[in-house]
Amino acid sequence: MKIKWDKEPTTTEQKILADYLISRPDIIADITRLSSTHTVLSASITPKSFESGFFTYEFKKDPSSDSYLIIIWKGIRTGDAVPVLYGHIDEKTINYGEHGD
């Protein structure tokens, strides 16, 4: 699975947030499977807080391509917080593992 960030993570906080997602490919596989199975256009998760607070990972299906947009927000609710990272995942690079379709 490859994530192409709009801007490479440069701060320690951004790197930790990106690494969290990359080290848990099952989260991405589950969210994208939900999206394709139930035609869900967006979903978000908020893990337990990091040292600097809560961050929310929002996944949106890009209807014009085979990719998913990812926005990482600083805060609990999407849209009400400050975006920290933005990128996309090409659906062809997602490894569904043993749960695959």
PDB file of N, CA and C in Angstrom:
ATOM      1  N   MET A   1       0.834  -1.160   0.000  1.00  0.00           N
ATOM      2  CA  MET A   1       0.000   0.000   0.000  1.00  0.00           C
ATOM      3  C   MET A   1       0.888   1.236   0.000  1.00  0.00           C
ATOM      4  N   LYS A   2       0.551   2.153  -0.889  1.00  0.00           N
ATOM      5  CA  LYS A   2       1.336   3.380  -0.983  1.00  0.00           C
ATOM      6  C   LYS A   2       0.437   4.574  -0.728  1.00  0.00           C
ATOM      7  N   ILE A   3       0.937   5.469   0.096  1.00  0.00           N
ATOM      8  CA  ILE A   3       0.249   6.732   0.324  1.00  0.00           C
ATOM      9  C   ILE A   3       1.104   7.814  -0.313  1.00  0.00           C
ATOM     10  N   LYS A   4       0.488   8.599  -1.161  1.00  0.00           N
ATOM     11  CA  LYS A   4       1.190   9.728  -1.762  1.00  0.00           C
ATOM     12  C   LYS A   4       0.691  10.988  -1.062  1.00  0.00           C
ATOM     13  N   TRP A   5       1.551  11.573  -0.244  1.00  0.00           N
ATOM     14  CA  TRP A   5       1.184  12.772   0.502  1.00  0.00           C
ATOM     15  C   TRP A   5       1.308  13.995  -0.394  1.00  0.00           C
ATOM     16  N   ASP A   6       0.422  14.936  -0.199  1.00  0.00           N
ATOM     17  CA  ASP A   6       0.463  16.195  -0.930  1.00  0.00           C
ATOM     18  C   ASP A   6       1.805  16.887  -0.669  1.00  0.00           C
ATOM     19  N   LYS A   7       2.212  16.898   0.583  1.00  0.00           N
ATOM     20  CA  LYS A   7       3.524  17.386   1.000  1.00  0.00           C
ATOM     21  C   LYS A   7       4.095  16.341   1.945  1.00  0.00           C
ATOM     22  N   GLU A   8       5.334  15.985   1.744  1.00  0.00           N
ATOM     23  CA  GLU A   8       5.962  14.978   2.593  1.00  0.00           C
ATOM     24  C   GLU A   8       5.901  15.413   4.056  1.00  0.00           C
ATOM     25  N   PRO A   9       5.607  14.473   4.960  1.00  0.00           N
ATOM     26  CA  PRO A   9       5.625  14.797   6.389  1.00  0.00           C
ATOM     27  C   PRO A   9       7.010  15.289   6.796  1.00  0.00           C
ATOM     28  N   THR A  10       7.063  16.458   7.404  1.00  0.00           N
ATOM     29  CA  THR A  10       8.359  17.027   7.787  1.00  0.00           C
ATOM     30  C   THR A  10       8.516  17.172   9.294  1.00  0.00           C
ATOM     31  N   THR A  11       7.457  17.528   9.991  1.00  0.00           N
ATOM     32  CA  THR A  11       7.569  17.696  11.440  1.00  0.00           C
ATOM     33  C   THR A  11       7.511  16.329  12.120  1.00  0.00           C
ATOM     34  N   THR A  12       7.978  16.265  13.338  1.00  0.00           N
ATOM     35  CA  THR A  12       7.925  15.023  14.100  1.00  0.00           C
ATOM     36  C   THR A  12       6.486  14.556  14.229  1.00  0.00           C
ATOM     37  N   GLU A  13       5.570  15.484  14.501  1.00  0.00           N
ATOM     38  CA  GLU A  13       4.163  15.151  14.648  1.00  0.00           C
ATOM     39  C   GLU A  13       3.602  14.536  13.363  1.00  0.00           C
ATOM     40  N   GLN A  14       3.877  15.139  12.226  1.00  0.00           N
ATOM     41  CA  GLN A  14       3.402  14.621  10.944  1.00  0.00           C
ATOM     42  C   GLN A  14       3.966  13.229  10.662  1.00  0.00           C
ATOM     43  N   LYS A  15       5.230  13.027  10.959  1.00  0.00           N
ATOM     44  CA  LYS A  15       5.863  11.727  10.722  1.00  0.00           C
ATOM     45  C   LYS A  15       5.233  10.643  11.593  1.00  0.00           C
ATOM     46  N   ILE A  16       4.944  10.971  12.844  1.00  0.00           N
ATOM     47  CA  ILE A  16       4.302  10.008  13.748  1.00  0.00           C
ATOM     48  C   ILE A  16       2.914   9.649  13.236  1.00  0.00           C
ATOM     49  N   LEU A  17       2.163  10.650  12.788  1.00  0.00           N
ATOM     50  CA  LEU A  17       0.810  10.416  12.278  1.00  0.00           C
ATOM     51  C   LEU A  17       0.828   9.570  11.008  1.00  0.00           C
ATOM     52  N   ALA A  18       1.751   9.854  10.101  1.00  0.00           N
ATOM     53  CA  ALA A  18       1.872   9.078   8.868  1.00  0.00           C
ATOM     54  C   ALA A  18       2.315   7.655   9.186  1.00  0.00           C
ATOM     55  N   ASP A  19       3.279   7.493  10.077  1.00  0.00           N
ATOM     56  CA  ASP A  19       3.766   6.164  10.447  1.00  0.00           C
ATOM     57  C   ASP A  19       2.673   5.325  11.108  1.00  0.00           C
ATOM     58  N   TYR A  20       1.826   5.976  11.912  1.00  0.00           N
ATOM     59  CA  TYR A  20       0.725   5.262  12.558  1.00  0.00           C
ATOM     60  C   TYR A  20      -0.144   4.589  11.492  1.00  0.00           C
ATOM     61  N   LEU A  21      -0.495   5.327  10.468  1.00  0.00           N
ATOM     62  CA  LEU A  21      -1.361   4.793   9.420  1.00  0.00           C
ATOM     63  C   LEU A  21      -0.646   3.735   8.589  1.00  0.00           C
ATOM     64  N   ILE A  22       0.594   3.970   8.242  1.00  0.00           N
ATOM     65  CA  ILE A  22       1.351   3.024   7.426  1.00  0.00           C
ATOM     66  C   ILE A  22       1.598   1.712   8.180  1.00  0.00           C
ATOM     67  N   SER A  23       1.751   1.787   9.499  1.00  0.00           N
ATOM     68  CA  SER A  23       2.009   0.584  10.289  1.00  0.00           C
ATOM     69  C   SER A  23       0.736  -0.214  10.575  1.00  0.00           C
ATOM     70  N   ARG A  24      -0.414   0.307  10.138  1.00  0.00           N
ATOM     71  CA  ARG A  24      -1.689  -0.386  10.347  1.00  0.00           C
ATOM     72  C   ARG A  24      -2.465  -0.495   9.026  1.00  0.00           C
ATOM     73  N   PRO A  25      -1.927  -1.240   8.084  1.00  0.00           N
ATOM     74  CA  PRO A  25      -2.593  -1.349   6.779  1.00  0.00           C
ATOM     75  C   PRO A  25      -3.980  -1.985   6.878  1.00  0.00           C
ATOM     76  N   ASP A  26      -4.229  -2.741   7.965  1.00  0.00           N
ATOM     77  CA  ASP A  26      -5.546  -3.352   8.141  1.00  0.00           C
ATOM     78  C   ASP A  26      -6.645  -2.298   8.289  1.00  0.00           C
ATOM     79  N   ILE A  27      -6.321  -1.148   8.880  1.00  0.00           N
ATOM     80  CA  ILE A  27      -7.297  -0.073   9.006  1.00  0.00           C
ATOM     81  C   ILE A  27      -7.710   0.401   7.612  1.00  0.00           C
ATOM     82  N   ILE A  28      -6.733   0.633   6.771  1.00  0.00           N
ATOM     83  CA  ILE A  28      -7.022   1.112   5.415  1.00  0.00           C
ATOM     84  C   ILE A  28      -7.799   0.059   4.640  1.00  0.00           C
ATOM     85  N   ALA A  29      -7.403  -1.194   4.755  1.00  0.00           N
ATOM     86  CA  ALA A  29      -8.104  -2.270   4.043  1.00  0.00           C
ATOM     87  C   ALA A  29      -9.552  -2.366   4.510  1.00  0.00           C
ATOM     88  N   ASP A  30      -9.787  -2.274   5.812  1.00  0.00           N
ATOM     89  CA  ASP A  30     -11.150  -2.370   6.337  1.00  0.00           C
ATOM     90  C   ASP A  30     -12.014  -1.192   5.892  1.00  0.00           C
ATOM     91  N   ILE A  31     -11.474   0.008   5.950  1.00  0.00           N
ATOM     92  CA  ILE A  31     -12.243   1.198   5.554  1.00  0.00           C
ATOM     93  C   ILE A  31     -12.551   1.156   4.056  1.00  0.00           C
ATOM     94  N   THR A  32     -11.574   0.816   3.242  1.00  0.00           N
ATOM     95  CA  THR A  32     -11.812   0.788   1.800  1.00  0.00           C
ATOM     96  C   THR A  32     -12.742  -0.358   1.409  1.00  0.00           C
ATOM     97  N   ARG A  33     -12.664  -1.474   2.126  1.00  0.00           N
ATOM     98  CA  ARG A  33     -13.592  -2.580   1.872  1.00  0.00           C
ATOM     99  C   ARG A  33     -15.014  -2.145   2.212  1.00  0.00           C
ATOM    100  N   LEU A  34     -15.189  -1.473   3.313  1.00  0.00           N
ATOM    101  CA  LEU A  34     -16.494  -0.939   3.700  1.00  0.00           C
ATOM    102  C   LEU A  34     -17.023   0.000   2.622  1.00  0.00           C
ATOM    103  N   SER A  35     -16.153   0.836   2.125  1.00  0.00           N
ATOM    104  CA  SER A  35     -16.544   1.795   1.091  1.00  0.00           C
ATOM    105  C   SER A  35     -16.999   1.098  -0.185  1.00  0.00           C
ATOM    106  N   SER A  36     -16.247   0.116  -0.614  1.00  0.00           N
ATOM    107  CA  SER A  36     -16.600  -0.540  -1.874  1.00  0.00           C
ATOM    108  C   SER A  36     -17.789  -1.486  -1.719  1.00  0.00           C
ATOM    109  N   THR A  37     -17.954  -2.107  -0.565  1.00  0.00           N
ATOM    110  CA  THR A  37     -19.042  -3.046  -0.344  1.00  0.00           C
ATOM    111  C   THR A  37     -20.384  -2.340  -0.134  1.00  0.00           C
ATOM    112  N   HIS A  38     -20.355  -1.224   0.563  1.00  0.00           N
ATOM    113  CA  HIS A  38     -21.592  -0.545   0.942  1.00  0.00           C
ATOM    114  C   HIS A  38     -21.731   0.840   0.316  1.00  0.00           C
ATOM    115  N   THR A  39     -20.935   1.111  -0.673  1.00  0.00           N
ATOM    116  CA  THR A  39     -20.921   2.417  -1.365  1.00  0.00           C
ATOM    117  C   THR A  39     -20.882   3.594  -0.392  1.00  0.00           C
ATOM    118  N   VAL A  40     -20.033   3.469   0.614  1.00  0.00           N
ATOM    119  CA  VAL A  40     -19.795   4.559   1.561  1.00  0.00           C
ATOM    120  C   VAL A  40     -18.767   5.491   0.932  1.00  0.00           C
ATOM    121  N   LEU A  41     -19.069   6.773   0.895  1.00  0.00           N
ATOM    122  CA  LEU A  41     -18.146   7.721   0.269  1.00  0.00           C
ATOM    123  C   LEU A  41     -17.095   8.259   1.224  1.00  0.00           C
ATOM    124  N   SER A  42     -17.385   8.273   2.533  1.00  0.00           N
ATOM    125  CA  SER A  42     -16.364   8.734   3.474  1.00  0.00           C
ATOM    126  C   SER A  42     -16.550   8.059   4.826  1.00  0.00           C
ATOM    127  N   ALA A  43     -15.440   7.955   5.542  1.00  0.00           N
ATOM    128  CA  ALA A  43     -15.446   7.389   6.884  1.00  0.00           C
ATOM    129  C   ALA A  43     -14.274   7.997   7.638  1.00  0.00           C
ATOM    130  N   SER A  44     -14.385   8.054   8.951  1.00  0.00           N
ATOM    131  CA  SER A  44     -13.278   8.596   9.735  1.00  0.00           C
ATOM    132  C   SER A  44     -13.089   7.781  11.004  1.00  0.00           C
ATOM    133  N   ILE A  45     -11.859   7.801  11.502  1.00  0.00           N
ATOM    134  CA  ILE A  45     -11.527   7.137  12.760  1.00  0.00           C
ATOM    135  C   ILE A  45     -10.716   8.101  13.607  1.00  0.00           C
ATOM    136  N   THR A  46     -10.880   7.993  14.908  1.00  0.00           N
ATOM    137  CA  THR A  46     -10.087   8.780  15.846  1.00  0.00           C
ATOM    138  C   THR A  46      -9.493   7.810  16.866  1.00  0.00           C
ATOM    139  N   PRO A  47      -8.210   7.499  16.731  1.00  0.00           N
ATOM    140  CA  PRO A  47      -7.572   6.587  17.688  1.00  0.00           C
ATOM    141  C   PRO A  47      -7.417   7.256  19.056  1.00  0.00           C
ATOM    142  N   LYS A  48      -6.968   6.475  20.026  1.00  0.00           N
ATOM    143  CA  LYS A  48      -6.648   7.050  21.335  1.00  0.00           C
ATOM    144  C   LYS A  48      -5.710   8.223  21.128  1.00  0.00           C
ATOM    145  N   SER A  49      -5.731   9.142  22.064  1.00  0.00           N
ATOM    146  CA  SER A  49      -4.952  10.364  21.872  1.00  0.00           C
ATOM    147  C   SER A  49      -3.452  10.090  21.821  1.00  0.00           C
ATOM    148  N   PHE A  50      -2.776  10.920  21.029  1.00  0.00           N
ATOM    149  CA  PHE A  50      -1.322  10.912  20.986  1.00  0.00           C
ATOM    150  C   PHE A  50      -0.842  11.887  22.063  1.00  0.00           C
ATOM    151  N   GLU A  51       0.461  12.034  22.229  1.00  0.00           N
ATOM    152  CA  GLU A  51       0.995  12.941  23.244  1.00  0.00           C
ATOM    153  C   GLU A  51       0.466  14.361  23.085  1.00  0.00           C
ATOM    154  N   SER A  52       0.260  14.789  21.838  1.00  0.00           N
ATOM    155  CA  SER A  52      -0.156  16.172  21.601  1.00  0.00           C
ATOM    156  C   SER A  52      -1.657  16.317  21.389  1.00  0.00           C
ATOM    157  N   GLY A  53      -2.450  15.281  21.691  1.00  0.00           N
ATOM    158  CA  GLY A  53      -3.893  15.386  21.593  1.00  0.00           C
ATOM    159  C   GLY A  53      -4.495  14.371  20.647  1.00  0.00           C
ATOM    160  N   PHE A  54      -5.728  14.639  20.255  1.00  0.00           N
ATOM    161  CA  PHE A  54      -6.460  13.740  19.371  1.00  0.00           C
ATOM    162  C   PHE A  54      -6.261  14.125  17.908  1.00  0.00           C
ATOM    163  N   PHE A  55      -6.242  13.093  17.057  1.00  0.00           N
ATOM    164  CA  PHE A  55      -6.154  13.290  15.614  1.00  0.00           C
ATOM    165  C   PHE A  55      -7.174  12.369  14.960  1.00  0.00           C
ATOM    166  N   THR A  56      -7.810  12.850  13.918  1.00  0.00           N
ATOM    167  CA  THR A  56      -8.818  12.071  13.207  1.00  0.00           C
ATOM    168  C   THR A  56      -8.353  11.821  11.788  1.00  0.00           C
ATOM    169  N   TYR A  57      -8.456  10.559  11.372  1.00  0.00           N
ATOM    170  CA  TYR A  57      -8.089  10.146  10.025  1.00  0.00           C
ATOM    171  C   TYR A  57      -9.378  10.030   9.223  1.00  0.00           C
ATOM    172  N   GLU A  58      -9.502  10.834   8.181  1.00  0.00           N
ATOM    173  CA  GLU A  58     -10.695  10.804   7.341  1.00  0.00           C
ATOM    174  C   GLU A  58     -10.336  10.188   5.993  1.00  0.00           C
ATOM    175  N   PHE A  59     -11.157   9.251   5.545  1.00  0.00           N
ATOM    176  CA  PHE A  59     -10.961   8.572   4.272  1.00  0.00           C
ATOM    177  C   PHE A  59     -12.143   8.916   3.377  1.00  0.00           C
ATOM    178  N   LYS A  60     -11.863   9.361   2.163  1.00  0.00           N
ATOM    179  CA  LYS A  60     -12.920   9.694   1.211  1.00  0.00           C
ATOM    180  C   LYS A  60     -12.635   9.001  -0.108  1.00  0.00           C
ATOM    181  N   LYS A  61     -13.646   8.362  -0.646  1.00  0.00           N
ATOM    182  CA  LYS A  61     -13.512   7.737  -1.964  1.00  0.00           C
ATOM    183  C   LYS A  61     -13.572   8.844  -3.004  1.00  0.00           C
ATOM    184  N   ASP A  62     -12.598   8.870  -3.892  1.00  0.00           N
ATOM    185  CA  ASP A  62     -12.596   9.828  -4.987  1.00  0.00           C
ATOM    186  C   ASP A  62     -13.380   9.197  -6.131  1.00  0.00           C
ATOM    187  N   PRO A  63     -14.603   9.676  -6.377  1.00  0.00           N
ATOM    188  CA  PRO A  63     -15.435   9.019  -7.387  1.00  0.00           C
ATOM    189  C   PRO A  63     -14.891   9.106  -8.811  1.00  0.00           C
ATOM    190  N   SER A  64     -13.963  10.010  -9.051  1.00  0.00           N
ATOM    191  CA  SER A  64     -13.436  10.156 -10.415  1.00  0.00           C
ATOM    192  C   SER A  64     -12.217   9.272 -10.685  1.00  0.00           C
ATOM    193  N   SER A  65     -11.743   8.555  -9.670  1.00  0.00           N
ATOM    194  CA  SER A  65     -10.567   7.697  -9.874  1.00  0.00           C
ATOM    195  C   SER A  65     -10.643   6.502  -8.937  1.00  0.00           C
ATOM    196  N   ASP A  66      -9.658   5.634  -9.038  1.00  0.00           N
ATOM    197  CA  ASP A  66      -9.570   4.488  -8.138  1.00  0.00           C
ATOM    198  C   ASP A  66      -8.666   4.811  -6.960  1.00  0.00           C
ATOM    199  N   SER A  67      -8.936   5.929  -6.298  1.00  0.00           N
ATOM    200  CA  SER A  67      -8.110   6.293  -5.157  1.00  0.00           C
ATOM    201  C   SER A  67      -8.978   6.772  -4.002  1.00  0.00           C
ATOM    202  N   TYR A  68      -8.359   6.790  -2.844  1.00  0.00           N
ATOM    203  CA  TYR A  68      -8.997   7.276  -1.633  1.00  0.00           C
ATOM    204  C   TYR A  68      -8.191   8.458  -1.120  1.00  0.00           C
ATOM    205  N   LEU A  69      -8.887   9.517  -0.791  1.00  0.00           N
ATOM    206  CA  LEU A  69      -8.239  10.675  -0.197  1.00  0.00           C
ATOM    207  C   LEU A  69      -8.135  10.448   1.299  1.00  0.00           C
ATOM    208  N   ILE A  70      -7.041  10.912   1.873  1.00  0.00           N
ATOM    209  CA  ILE A  70      -6.839  10.824   3.316  1.00  0.00           C
ATOM    210  C   ILE A  70      -6.548  12.228   3.815  1.00  0.00           C
ATOM    211  N   ILE A  71      -7.284  12.625   4.832  1.00  0.00           N
ATOM    212  CA  ILE A  71      -7.007  13.894   5.491  1.00  0.00           C
ATOM    213  C   ILE A  71      -6.838  13.572   6.970  1.00  0.00           C
ATOM    214  N   ILE A  72      -5.735  14.020   7.542  1.00  0.00           N
ATOM    215  CA  ILE A  72      -5.514  13.843   8.972  1.00  0.00           C
ATOM    216  C   ILE A  72      -5.757  15.195   9.629  1.00  0.00           C
ATOM    217  N   TRP A  73      -6.730  15.205  10.527  1.00  0.00           N
ATOM    218  CA  TRP A  73      -7.141  16.424  11.215  1.00  0.00           C
ATOM    219  C   TRP A  73      -6.606  16.424  12.643  1.00  0.00           C
ATOM    220  N   LYS A  74      -6.207  17.588  13.121  1.00  0.00           N
ATOM    221  CA  LYS A  74      -5.828  17.728  14.531  1.00  0.00           C
ATOM    222  C   LYS A  74      -7.108  18.068  15.281  1.00  0.00           C
ATOM    223  N   GLY A  75      -7.646  17.103  15.976  1.00  0.00           N
ATOM    224  CA  GLY A  75      -8.902  17.256  16.691  1.00  0.00           C
ATOM    225  C   GLY A  75      -9.749  16.010  16.543  1.00  0.00           C
ATOM    226  N   ILE A  76     -10.933  16.044  17.141  1.00  0.00           N
ATOM    227  CA  ILE A  76     -11.788  14.867  17.150  1.00  0.00           C
ATOM    228  C   ILE A  76     -12.748  14.835  15.978  1.00  0.00           C
ATOM    229  N   ARG A  77     -13.221  15.972  15.540  1.00  0.00           N
ATOM    230  CA  ARG A  77     -14.222  15.990  14.469  1.00  0.00           C
ATOM    231  C   ARG A  77     -13.621  16.519  13.178  1.00  0.00           C
ATOM    232  N   THR A  78     -13.921  15.838  12.085  1.00  0.00           N
ATOM    233  CA  THR A  78     -13.440  16.299  10.789  1.00  0.00           C
ATOM    234  C   THR A  78     -14.119  17.612  10.432  1.00  0.00           C
ATOM    235  N   GLY A  79     -13.399  18.471   9.802  1.00  0.00           N
ATOM    236  CA  GLY A  79     -13.962  19.741   9.378  1.00  0.00           C
ATOM    237  C   GLY A  79     -13.930  20.826  10.438  1.00  0.00           C
ATOM    238  N   ASP A  80     -13.971  20.435  11.715  1.00  0.00           N
ATOM    239  CA  ASP A  80     -13.924  21.415  12.799  1.00  0.00           C
ATOM    240  C   ASP A  80     -12.509  21.622  13.316  1.00  0.00           C
ATOM    241  N   ALA A  81     -11.578  20.946  12.735  1.00  0.00           N
ATOM    242  CA  ALA A  81     -10.210  20.949  13.232  1.00  0.00           C
ATOM    243  C   ALA A  81      -9.263  21.453  12.149  1.00  0.00           C
ATOM    244  N   VAL A  82      -7.992  21.424  12.456  1.00  0.00           N
ATOM    245  CA  VAL A  82      -6.967  21.893  11.527  1.00  0.00           C
ATOM    246  C   VAL A  82      -6.409  20.693  10.758  1.00  0.00           C
ATOM    247  N   PRO A  83      -6.399  20.753   9.408  1.00  0.00           N
ATOM    248  CA  PRO A  83      -5.799  19.644   8.656  1.00  0.00           C
ATOM    249  C   PRO A  83      -4.280  19.633   8.844  1.00  0.00           C
ATOM    250  N   VAL A  84      -3.752  18.446   9.081  1.00  0.00           N
ATOM    251  CA  VAL A  84      -2.317  18.293   9.321  1.00  0.00           C
ATOM    252  C   VAL A  84      -1.620  17.674   8.110  1.00  0.00           C
ATOM    253  N   LEU A  85      -2.233  16.662   7.514  1.00  0.00           N
ATOM    254  CA  LEU A  85      -1.679  15.986   6.341  1.00  0.00           C
ATOM    255  C   LEU A  85      -2.809  15.664   5.368  1.00  0.00           C
ATOM    256  N   TYR A  86      -2.449  15.626   4.096  1.00  0.00           N
ATOM    257  CA  TYR A  86      -3.409  15.312   3.047  1.00  0.00           C
ATOM    258  C   TYR A  86      -2.700  14.439   2.022  1.00  0.00           C
ATOM    259  N   GLY A  87      -3.362  13.374   1.593  1.00  0.00           N
ATOM    260  CA  GLY A  87      -2.760  12.511   0.593  1.00  0.00           C
ATOM    261  C   GLY A  87      -3.790  11.606  -0.035  1.00  0.00           C
ATOM    262  N   HIS A  88      -3.322  10.657  -0.831  1.00  0.00           N
ATOM    263  CA  HIS A  88      -4.236   9.689  -1.418  1.00  0.00           C
ATOM    264  C   HIS A  88      -3.571   8.324  -1.553  1.00  0.00           C
ATOM    265  N   ILE A  89      -4.429   7.308  -1.598  1.00  0.00           N
ATOM    266  CA  ILE A  89      -3.997   5.924  -1.771  1.00  0.00           C
ATOM    267  C   ILE A  89      -4.631   5.411  -3.049  1.00  0.00           C
ATOM    268  N   ASP A  90      -3.833   4.846  -3.910  1.00  0.00           N
ATOM    269  CA  ASP A  90      -4.361   4.200  -5.103  1.00  0.00           C
ATOM    270  C   ASP A  90      -4.940   2.859  -4.659  1.00  0.00           C
ATOM    271  N   GLU A  91      -6.208   2.625  -4.987  1.00  0.00           N
ATOM    272  CA  GLU A  91      -6.881   1.405  -4.540  1.00  0.00           C
ATOM    273  C   GLU A  91      -6.141   0.153  -4.998  1.00  0.00           C
ATOM    274  N   LYS A  92      -5.456   0.224  -6.111  1.00  0.00           N
ATOM    275  CA  LYS A  92      -4.729  -0.946  -6.632  1.00  0.00           C
ATOM    276  C   LYS A  92      -3.564  -1.345  -5.735  1.00  0.00           C
ATOM    277  N   THR A  93      -3.108  -0.452  -4.854  1.00  0.00           N
ATOM    278  CA  THR A  93      -1.968  -0.762  -3.997  1.00  0.00           C
ATOM    279  C   THR A  93      -2.374  -1.265  -2.628  1.00  0.00           C
ATOM    280  N   ILE A  94      -3.692  -1.375  -2.367  1.00  0.00           N
ATOM    281  CA  ILE A  94      -4.162  -1.827  -1.050  1.00  0.00           C
ATOM    282  C   ILE A  94      -4.098  -3.340  -0.990  1.00  0.00           C
ATOM    283  N   ASN A  95      -3.484  -3.862   0.067  1.00  0.00           N
ATOM    284  CA  ASN A  95      -3.375  -5.294   0.283  1.00  0.00           C
ATOM    285  C   ASN A  95      -4.461  -5.710   1.272  1.00  0.00           C
ATOM    286  N   TYR A  96      -5.443  -6.465   0.785  1.00  0.00           N
ATOM    287  CA  TYR A  96      -6.537  -6.883   1.643  1.00  0.00           C
ATOM    288  C   TYR A  96      -6.203  -8.126   2.470  1.00  0.00           C
ATOM    289  N   GLY A  97      -5.037  -8.702   2.276  1.00  0.00           N
ATOM    290  CA  GLY A  97      -4.587  -9.824   3.091  1.00  0.00           C
ATOM    291  C   GLY A  97      -5.567 -10.985   3.095  1.00  0.00           C
ATOM    292  N   GLU A  98      -5.715 -11.630   4.239  1.00  0.00           N
ATOM    293  CA  GLU A  98      -6.574 -12.805   4.344  1.00  0.00           C
ATOM    294  C   GLU A  98      -8.055 -12.459   4.269  1.00  0.00           C
ATOM    295  N   HIS A  99      -8.398 -11.190   4.432  1.00  0.00           N
ATOM    296  CA  HIS A  99      -9.800 -10.775   4.354  1.00  0.00           C
ATOM    297  C   HIS A  99     -10.181 -10.367   2.947  1.00  0.00           C
ATOM    298  N   GLY A 100      -9.263 -10.508   1.984  1.00  0.00           N
ATOM    299  CA  GLY A 100      -9.432  -9.968   0.634  1.00  0.00           C
ATOM    300  C   GLY A 100     -10.682 -10.398  -0.092  1.00  0.00           C
ATOM    301  N   ASP A 101     -11.070  -9.552  -1.036  1.00  0.00           N
ATOM    302  CA  ASP A 101     -12.261  -9.830  -1.862  1.00  0.00           C
ATOM    303  C   ASP A 101     -11.850 -10.579  -3.103  1.00  0.00           C
TER     304      ASP A 101
END
